[in-house]
Amino acid sequence: MDRSARLTQPLVRDGKGGALRPASWDEALERAAAGFRAVVDGRGPRSFGLFSCSKTTNEMNYVAQKFARVVLGSNNVDSCNRT
């Protein structure tokens, strides 16, 4: 495995089509949160959906559905556990 190609810090893009640049974790997380807020505010919470995987832990699936329902206000949660 070539570990030299792994990301060691978040990258963000300034402007549409701009180059990626290194950013702090605080900036990257704030940008991600702002993106979620913009979609929910502009299109409503039903515009967001979350899909989780049975290969992760029950705890991780619980946190994922809780995030979708409580933070984003969406009940659009599905999992491959039912297949």
PDB file of N, CA and C in Angstrom:
ATOM      1  N   MET A   1       0.844  -1.173   0.000  1.00  0.00           N
ATOM      2  CA  MET A   1       0.000   0.000   0.000  1.00  0.00           C
ATOM      3  C   MET A   1       0.890   1.238   0.000  1.00  0.00           C
ATOM      4  N   ASP A   2       0.611   2.154  -0.910  1.00  0.00           N
ATOM      5  CA  ASP A   2       1.386   3.389  -1.010  1.00  0.00           C
ATOM      6  C   ASP A   2       0.758   4.455  -0.124  1.00  0.00           C
ATOM      7  N   ARG A   3       1.322   4.635   1.041  1.00  0.00           N
ATOM      8  CA  ARG A   3       0.769   5.604   1.993  1.00  0.00           C
ATOM      9  C   ARG A   3       1.158   7.042   1.668  1.00  0.00           C
ATOM     10  N   SER A   4       2.085   7.246   0.760  1.00  0.00           N
ATOM     11  CA  SER A   4       2.507   8.611   0.435  1.00  0.00           C
ATOM     12  C   SER A   4       1.408   9.401  -0.269  1.00  0.00           C
ATOM     13  N   ALA A   5       0.433   8.714  -0.849  1.00  0.00           N
ATOM     14  CA  ALA A   5      -0.656   9.382  -1.560  1.00  0.00           C
ATOM     15  C   ALA A   5      -1.839   9.707  -0.651  1.00  0.00           C
ATOM     16  N   ARG A   6      -1.773   9.306   0.617  1.00  0.00           N
ATOM     17  CA  ARG A   6      -2.898   9.556   1.533  1.00  0.00           C
ATOM     18  C   ARG A   6      -2.970  11.026   1.919  1.00  0.00           C
ATOM     19  N   LEU A   7      -4.174  11.499   2.108  1.00  0.00           N
ATOM     20  CA  LEU A   7      -4.360  12.869   2.591  1.00  0.00           C
ATOM     21  C   LEU A   7      -3.970  12.941   4.063  1.00  0.00           C
ATOM     22  N   THR A   8      -3.282  13.986   4.432  1.00  0.00           N
ATOM     23  CA  THR A   8      -2.889  14.171   5.830  1.00  0.00           C
ATOM     24  C   THR A   8      -3.596  15.354   6.461  1.00  0.00           C
ATOM     25  N   GLN A   9      -4.318  16.109   5.661  1.00  0.00           N
ATOM     26  CA  GLN A   9      -5.098  17.241   6.163  1.00  0.00           C
ATOM     27  C   GLN A   9      -6.230  17.507   5.180  1.00  0.00           C
ATOM     28  N   PRO A  10      -7.255  18.231   5.632  1.00  0.00           N
ATOM     29  CA  PRO A  10      -8.382  18.511   4.733  1.00  0.00           C
ATOM     30  C   PRO A  10      -7.952  19.443   3.602  1.00  0.00           C
ATOM     31  N   LEU A  11      -8.634  19.301   2.474  1.00  0.00           N
ATOM     32  CA  LEU A  11      -8.451  20.196   1.337  1.00  0.00           C
ATOM     33  C   LEU A  11      -9.791  20.856   1.031  1.00  0.00           C
ATOM     34  N   VAL A  12      -9.763  22.145   0.724  1.00  0.00           N
ATOM     35  CA  VAL A  12     -10.983  22.870   0.354  1.00  0.00           C
ATOM     36  C   VAL A  12     -10.748  23.557  -0.985  1.00  0.00           C
ATOM     37  N   ARG A  13     -11.848  23.847  -1.664  1.00  0.00           N
ATOM     38  CA  ARG A  13     -11.772  24.505  -2.963  1.00  0.00           C
ATOM     39  C   ARG A  13     -12.324  25.920  -2.815  1.00  0.00           C
ATOM     40  N   ASP A  14     -11.564  26.896  -3.234  1.00  0.00           N
ATOM     41  CA  ASP A  14     -12.031  28.277  -3.210  1.00  0.00           C
ATOM     42  C   ASP A  14     -12.664  28.613  -4.555  1.00  0.00           C
ATOM     43  N   GLY A  15     -13.929  28.966  -4.518  1.00  0.00           N
ATOM     44  CA  GLY A  15     -14.637  29.308  -5.742  1.00  0.00           C
ATOM     45  C   GLY A  15     -14.958  28.089  -6.582  1.00  0.00           C
ATOM     46  N   LYS A  16     -15.830  28.280  -7.529  1.00  0.00           N
ATOM     47  CA  LYS A  16     -16.238  27.175  -8.399  1.00  0.00           C
ATOM     48  C   LYS A  16     -15.096  26.839  -9.355  1.00  0.00           C
ATOM     49  N   GLY A  17     -14.654  25.605  -9.311  1.00  0.00           N
ATOM     50  CA  GLY A  17     -13.585  25.170 -10.196  1.00  0.00           C
ATOM     51  C   GLY A  17     -12.195  25.595  -9.753  1.00  0.00           C
ATOM     52  N   GLY A  18     -12.082  26.206  -8.590  1.00  0.00           N
ATOM     53  CA  GLY A  18     -10.777  26.631  -8.093  1.00  0.00           C
ATOM     54  C   GLY A  18      -9.926  25.440  -7.671  1.00  0.00           C
ATOM     55  N   ALA A  19      -8.668  25.710  -7.464  1.00  0.00           N
ATOM     56  CA  ALA A  19      -7.746  24.650  -7.051  1.00  0.00           C
ATOM     57  C   ALA A  19      -7.966  24.300  -5.582  1.00  0.00           C
ATOM     58  N   LEU A  20      -7.681  23.056  -5.247  1.00  0.00           N
ATOM     59  CA  LEU A  20      -7.752  22.629  -3.849  1.00  0.00           C
ATOM     60  C   LEU A  20      -6.570  23.205  -3.087  1.00  0.00           C
ATOM     61  N   ARG A  21      -6.833  23.579  -1.830  1.00  0.00           N
ATOM     62  CA  ARG A  21      -5.768  24.076  -0.977  1.00  0.00           C
ATOM     63  C   ARG A  21      -5.917  23.475   0.409  1.00  0.00           C
ATOM     64  N   PRO A  22      -4.815  23.343   1.135  1.00  0.00           N
ATOM     65  CA  PRO A  22      -4.888  22.823   2.504  1.00  0.00           C
ATOM     66  C   PRO A  22      -5.711  23.760   3.400  1.00  0.00           C
ATOM     67  N   ALA A  23      -6.418  23.170   4.345  1.00  0.00           N
ATOM     68  CA  ALA A  23      -7.242  23.939   5.276  1.00  0.00           C
ATOM     69  C   ALA A  23      -7.161  23.302   6.653  1.00  0.00           C
ATOM     70  N   SER A  24      -7.562  24.077   7.653  1.00  0.00           N
ATOM     71  CA  SER A  24      -7.638  23.531   9.012  1.00  0.00           C
ATOM     72  C   SER A  24      -8.879  22.654   9.114  1.00  0.00           C
ATOM     73  N   TRP A  25      -8.898  21.783  10.122  1.00  0.00           N
ATOM     74  CA  TRP A  25     -10.083  20.950  10.343  1.00  0.00           C
ATOM     75  C   TRP A  25     -11.290  21.813  10.660  1.00  0.00           C
ATOM     76  N   ASP A  26     -11.091  22.892  11.428  1.00  0.00           N
ATOM     77  CA  ASP A  26     -12.218  23.774  11.758  1.00  0.00           C
ATOM     78  C   ASP A  26     -12.833  24.380  10.500  1.00  0.00           C
ATOM     79  N   GLU A  27     -11.990  24.859   9.582  1.00  0.00           N
ATOM     80  CA  GLU A  27     -12.509  25.448   8.347  1.00  0.00           C
ATOM     81  C   GLU A  27     -13.232  24.402   7.502  1.00  0.00           C
ATOM     82  N   ALA A  28     -12.641  23.221   7.368  1.00  0.00           N
ATOM     83  CA  ALA A  28     -13.247  22.171   6.547  1.00  0.00           C
ATOM     84  C   ALA A  28     -14.599  21.730   7.117  1.00  0.00           C
ATOM     85  N   LEU A  29     -14.671  21.539   8.424  1.00  0.00           N
ATOM     86  CA  LEU A  29     -15.943  21.128   9.035  1.00  0.00           C
ATOM     87  C   LEU A  29     -16.990  22.228   8.937  1.00  0.00           C
ATOM     88  N   GLU A  30     -16.570  23.484   9.081  1.00  0.00           N
ATOM     89  CA  GLU A  30     -17.517  24.598   8.951  1.00  0.00           C
ATOM     90  C   GLU A  30     -18.063  24.671   7.530  1.00  0.00           C
ATOM     91  N   ARG A  31     -17.205  24.445   6.561  1.00  0.00           N
ATOM     92  CA  ARG A  31     -17.672  24.450   5.168  1.00  0.00           C
ATOM     93  C   ARG A  31     -18.652  23.312   4.904  1.00  0.00           C
ATOM     94  N   ALA A  32     -18.374  22.140   5.439  1.00  0.00           N
ATOM     95  CA  ALA A  32     -19.290  21.010   5.265  1.00  0.00           C
ATOM     96  C   ALA A  32     -20.636  21.316   5.926  1.00  0.00           C
ATOM     97  N   ALA A  33     -20.610  21.849   7.141  1.00  0.00           N
ATOM     98  CA  ALA A  33     -21.846  22.199   7.847  1.00  0.00           C
ATOM     99  C   ALA A  33     -22.618  23.271   7.084  1.00  0.00           C
ATOM    100  N   ALA A  34     -21.916  24.252   6.540  1.00  0.00           N
ATOM    101  CA  ALA A  34     -22.574  25.314   5.769  1.00  0.00           C
ATOM    102  C   ALA A  34     -23.238  24.736   4.518  1.00  0.00           C
ATOM    103  N   GLY A  35     -22.604  23.756   3.900  1.00  0.00           N
ATOM    104  CA  GLY A  35     -23.204  23.114   2.730  1.00  0.00           C
ATOM    105  C   GLY A  35     -24.485  22.378   3.077  1.00  0.00           C
ATOM    106  N   PHE A  36     -24.468  21.633   4.189  1.00  0.00           N
ATOM    107  CA  PHE A  36     -25.691  20.956   4.646  1.00  0.00           C
ATOM    108  C   PHE A  36     -26.774  21.973   4.967  1.00  0.00           C
ATOM    109  N   ARG A  37     -26.399  23.053   5.683  1.00  0.00           N
ATOM    110  CA  ARG A  37     -27.378  24.087   6.042  1.00  0.00           C
ATOM    111  C   ARG A  37     -27.999  24.719   4.806  1.00  0.00           C
ATOM    112  N   ALA A  38     -27.173  25.001   3.796  1.00  0.00           N
ATOM    113  CA  ALA A  38     -27.668  25.641   2.577  1.00  0.00           C
ATOM    114  C   ALA A  38     -28.702  24.769   1.875  1.00  0.00           C
ATOM    115  N   VAL A  39     -28.461  23.470   1.800  1.00  0.00           N
ATOM    116  CA  VAL A  39     -29.415  22.568   1.146  1.00  0.00           C
ATOM    117  C   VAL A  39     -30.705  22.481   1.954  1.00  0.00           C
ATOM    118  N   VAL A  40     -30.597  22.285   3.253  1.00  0.00           N
ATOM    119  CA  VAL A  40     -31.792  22.169   4.097  1.00  0.00           C
ATOM    120  C   VAL A  40     -32.584  23.473   4.090  1.00  0.00           C
ATOM    121  N   ASP A  41     -31.888  24.614   4.183  1.00  0.00           N
ATOM    122  CA  ASP A  41     -32.579  25.909   4.173  1.00  0.00           C
ATOM    123  C   ASP A  41     -33.213  26.205   2.819  1.00  0.00           C
ATOM    124  N   GLY A  42     -32.538  25.828   1.742  1.00  0.00           N
ATOM    125  CA  GLY A  42     -33.036  26.141   0.407  1.00  0.00           C
ATOM    126  C   GLY A  42     -34.093  25.183  -0.117  1.00  0.00           C
ATOM    127  N   ARG A  43     -33.983  23.916   0.251  1.00  0.00           N
ATOM    128  CA  ARG A  43     -34.876  22.912  -0.322  1.00  0.00           C
ATOM    129  C   ARG A  43     -35.653  22.108   0.705  1.00  0.00           C
ATOM    130  N   GLY A  44     -35.382  22.341   1.975  1.00  0.00           N
ATOM    131  CA  GLY A  44     -36.084  21.620   3.032  1.00  0.00           C
ATOM    132  C   GLY A  44     -35.356  20.350   3.423  1.00  0.00           C
ATOM    133  N   PRO A  45     -35.657  19.845   4.617  1.00  0.00           N
ATOM    134  CA  PRO A  45     -34.950  18.675   5.126  1.00  0.00           C
ATOM    135  C   PRO A  45     -35.209  17.396   4.341  1.00  0.00           C
ATOM    136  N   ARG A  46     -36.332  17.323   3.631  1.00  0.00           N
ATOM    137  CA  ARG A  46     -36.615  16.110   2.859  1.00  0.00           C
ATOM    138  C   ARG A  46     -35.729  15.985   1.625  1.00  0.00           C
ATOM    139  N   SER A  47     -34.974  17.038   1.311  1.00  0.00           N
ATOM    140  CA  SER A  47     -34.069  16.981   0.159  1.00  0.00           C
ATOM    141  C   SER A  47     -32.792  16.222   0.477  1.00  0.00           C
ATOM    142  N   PHE A  48     -32.614  15.881   1.725  1.00  0.00           N
ATOM    143  CA  PHE A  48     -31.412  15.181   2.155  1.00  0.00           C
ATOM    144  C   PHE A  48     -31.754  13.744   2.497  1.00  0.00           C
ATOM    145  N   GLY A  49     -30.904  12.826   2.097  1.00  0.00           N
ATOM    146  CA  GLY A  49     -31.079  11.423   2.446  1.00  0.00           C
ATOM    147  C   GLY A  49     -29.759  10.832   2.887  1.00  0.00           C
ATOM    148  N   LEU A  50     -29.824   9.786   3.673  1.00  0.00           N
ATOM    149  CA  LEU A  50     -28.614   9.148   4.171  1.00  0.00           C
ATOM    150  C   LEU A  50     -28.738   7.648   3.989  1.00  0.00           C
ATOM    151  N   PHE A  51     -27.673   7.043   3.489  1.00  0.00           N
ATOM    152  CA  PHE A  51     -27.631   5.597   3.301  1.00  0.00           C
ATOM    153  C   PHE A  51     -26.464   5.066   4.112  1.00  0.00           C
ATOM    154  N   SER A  52     -26.714   4.092   4.958  1.00  0.00           N
ATOM    155  CA  SER A  52     -25.641   3.510   5.765  1.00  0.00           C
ATOM    156  C   SER A  52     -25.414   2.061   5.340  1.00  0.00           C
ATOM    157  N   CYS A  53     -24.400   1.467   5.899  1.00  0.00           N
ATOM    158  CA  CYS A  53     -23.968   0.152   5.441  1.00  0.00           C
ATOM    159  C   CYS A  53     -23.965  -0.862   6.580  1.00  0.00           C
ATOM    160  N   SER A  54     -24.292  -2.082   6.263  1.00  0.00           N
ATOM    161  CA  SER A  54     -24.311  -3.140   7.267  1.00  0.00           C
ATOM    162  C   SER A  54     -22.903  -3.585   7.663  1.00  0.00           C
ATOM    163  N   LYS A  55     -21.902  -3.181   6.927  1.00  0.00           N
ATOM    164  CA  LYS A  55     -20.535  -3.582   7.251  1.00  0.00           C
ATOM    165  C   LYS A  55     -19.926  -2.727   8.363  1.00  0.00           C
ATOM    166  N   THR A  56     -20.618  -1.703   8.777  1.00  0.00           N
ATOM    167  CA  THR A  56     -20.147  -0.892   9.898  1.00  0.00           C
ATOM    168  C   THR A  56     -20.824  -1.382  11.175  1.00  0.00           C
ATOM    169  N   THR A  57     -20.521  -0.752  12.283  1.00  0.00           N
ATOM    170  CA  THR A  57     -21.088  -1.178  13.559  1.00  0.00           C
ATOM    171  C   THR A  57     -22.515  -0.666  13.731  1.00  0.00           C
ATOM    172  N   ASN A  58     -23.265  -1.311  14.619  1.00  0.00           N
ATOM    173  CA  ASN A  58     -24.607  -0.820  14.960  1.00  0.00           C
ATOM    174  C   ASN A  58     -24.538   0.589  15.512  1.00  0.00           C
ATOM    175  N   GLU A  59     -23.493   0.870  16.286  1.00  0.00           N
ATOM    176  CA  GLU A  59     -23.336   2.207  16.882  1.00  0.00           C
ATOM    177  C   GLU A  59     -23.154   3.268  15.793  1.00  0.00           C
ATOM    178  N   MET A  60     -22.365   2.951  14.773  1.00  0.00           N
ATOM    179  CA  MET A  60     -22.148   3.910  13.690  1.00  0.00           C
ATOM    180  C   MET A  60     -23.431   4.135  12.894  1.00  0.00           C
ATOM    181  N   ASN A  61     -24.181   3.061  12.642  1.00  0.00           N
ATOM    182  CA  ASN A  61     -25.471   3.215  11.960  1.00  0.00           C
ATOM    183  C   ASN A  61     -26.440   4.041  12.798  1.00  0.00           C
ATOM    184  N   TYR A  62     -26.415   3.850  14.111  1.00  0.00           N
ATOM    185  CA  TYR A  62     -27.278   4.629  14.998  1.00  0.00           C
ATOM    186  C   TYR A  62     -26.920   6.108  14.924  1.00  0.00           C
ATOM    187  N   VAL A  63     -25.633   6.423  14.995  1.00  0.00           N
ATOM    188  CA  VAL A  63     -25.188   7.821  14.934  1.00  0.00           C
ATOM    189  C   VAL A  63     -25.558   8.444  13.588  1.00  0.00           C
ATOM    190  N   ALA A  64     -25.419   7.687  12.514  1.00  0.00           N
ATOM    191  CA  ALA A  64     -25.749   8.203  11.184  1.00  0.00           C
ATOM    192  C   ALA A  64     -27.233   8.553  11.079  1.00  0.00           C
ATOM    193  N   GLN A  65     -28.099   7.642  11.534  1.00  0.00           N
ATOM    194  CA  GLN A  65     -29.534   7.940  11.444  1.00  0.00           C
ATOM    195  C   GLN A  65     -29.928   9.051  12.398  1.00  0.00           C
ATOM    196  N   LYS A  66     -29.272   9.129  13.545  1.00  0.00           N
ATOM    197  CA  LYS A  66     -29.562  10.201  14.498  1.00  0.00           C
ATOM    198  C   LYS A  66     -29.167  11.553  13.907  1.00  0.00           C
ATOM    199  N   PHE A  67     -28.010  11.593  13.228  1.00  0.00           N
ATOM    200  CA  PHE A  67     -27.567  12.819  12.563  1.00  0.00           C
ATOM    201  C   PHE A  67     -28.592  13.267  11.522  1.00  0.00           C
ATOM    202  N   ALA A  68     -29.040  12.345  10.682  1.00  0.00           N
ATOM    203  CA  ALA A  68     -30.005  12.690   9.645  1.00  0.00           C
ATOM    204  C   ALA A  68     -31.314  13.196  10.245  1.00  0.00           C
ATOM    205  N   ARG A  69     -31.795  12.516  11.283  1.00  0.00           N
ATOM    206  CA  ARG A  69     -33.096  12.869  11.843  1.00  0.00           C
ATOM    207  C   ARG A  69     -33.062  14.096  12.739  1.00  0.00           C
ATOM    208  N   VAL A  70     -32.074  14.185  13.619  1.00  0.00           N
ATOM    209  CA  VAL A  70     -32.047  15.280  14.599  1.00  0.00           C
ATOM    210  C   VAL A  70     -31.380  16.530  14.044  1.00  0.00           C
ATOM    211  N   VAL A  71     -30.230  16.368  13.422  1.00  0.00           N
ATOM    212  CA  VAL A  71     -29.485  17.542  12.949  1.00  0.00           C
ATOM    213  C   VAL A  71     -30.086  18.106  11.668  1.00  0.00           C
ATOM    214  N   LEU A  72     -30.356  17.228  10.698  1.00  0.00           N
ATOM    215  CA  LEU A  72     -30.851  17.696   9.407  1.00  0.00           C
ATOM    216  C   LEU A  72     -32.368  17.708   9.306  1.00  0.00           C
ATOM    217  N   GLY A  73     -33.050  17.000  10.182  1.00  0.00           N
ATOM    218  CA  GLY A  73     -34.508  16.973  10.165  1.00  0.00           C
ATOM    219  C   GLY A  73     -35.090  16.079   9.086  1.00  0.00           C
ATOM    220  N   SER A  74     -34.319  15.122   8.608  1.00  0.00           N
ATOM    221  CA  SER A  74     -34.777  14.235   7.533  1.00  0.00           C
ATOM    222  C   SER A  74     -35.015  12.824   8.057  1.00  0.00           C
ATOM    223  N   ASN A  75     -36.125  12.241   7.637  1.00  0.00           N
ATOM    224  CA  ASN A  75     -36.385  10.837   7.946  1.00  0.00           C
ATOM    225  C   ASN A  75     -35.971   9.932   6.787  1.00  0.00           C
ATOM    226  N   ASN A  76     -35.306  10.493   5.784  1.00  0.00           N
ATOM    227  CA  ASN A  76     -34.861   9.729   4.622  1.00  0.00           C
ATOM    228  C   ASN A  76     -33.571   8.994   4.957  1.00  0.00           C
ATOM    229  N   VAL A  77     -33.720   7.896   5.686  1.00  0.00           N
ATOM    230  CA  VAL A  77     -32.593   7.084   6.112  1.00  0.00           C
ATOM    231  C   VAL A  77     -32.824   5.656   5.646  1.00  0.00           C
ATOM    232  N   ASP A  78     -31.835   5.073   5.019  1.00  0.00           N
ATOM    233  CA  ASP A  78     -31.961   3.699   4.557  1.00  0.00           C
ATOM    234  C   ASP A  78     -30.658   2.973   4.829  1.00  0.00           C
ATOM    235  N   SER A  79     -30.710   1.672   4.767  1.00  0.00           N
ATOM    236  CA  SER A  79     -29.540   0.860   5.033  1.00  0.00           C
ATOM    237  C   SER A  79     -29.609  -0.413   4.221  1.00  0.00           C
ATOM    238  N   CYS A  80     -28.467  -0.942   3.873  1.00  0.00           N
ATOM    239  CA  CYS A  80     -28.442  -2.225   3.163  1.00  0.00           C
ATOM    240  C   CYS A  80     -28.654  -3.379   4.131  1.00  0.00           C
ATOM    241  N   ASN A  81     -28.883  -3.103   5.410  1.00  0.00           N
ATOM    242  CA  ASN A  81     -29.143  -4.155   6.396  1.00  0.00           C
ATOM    243  C   ASN A  81     -30.402  -4.939   6.058  1.00  0.00           C
ATOM    244  N   ARG A  82     -31.325  -4.336   5.384  1.00  0.00           N
ATOM    245  CA  ARG A  82     -32.616  -4.973   5.116  1.00  0.00           C
ATOM    246  C   ARG A  82     -32.590  -5.897   3.917  1.00  0.00           C
ATOM    247  N   THR A  83     -31.492  -5.924   3.166  1.00  0.00           N
ATOM    248  CA  THR A  83     -31.450  -6.748   1.948  1.00  0.00           C
ATOM    249  C   THR A  83     -31.024  -8.154   2.228  1.00  0.00           C
TER     250      THR A  83
END
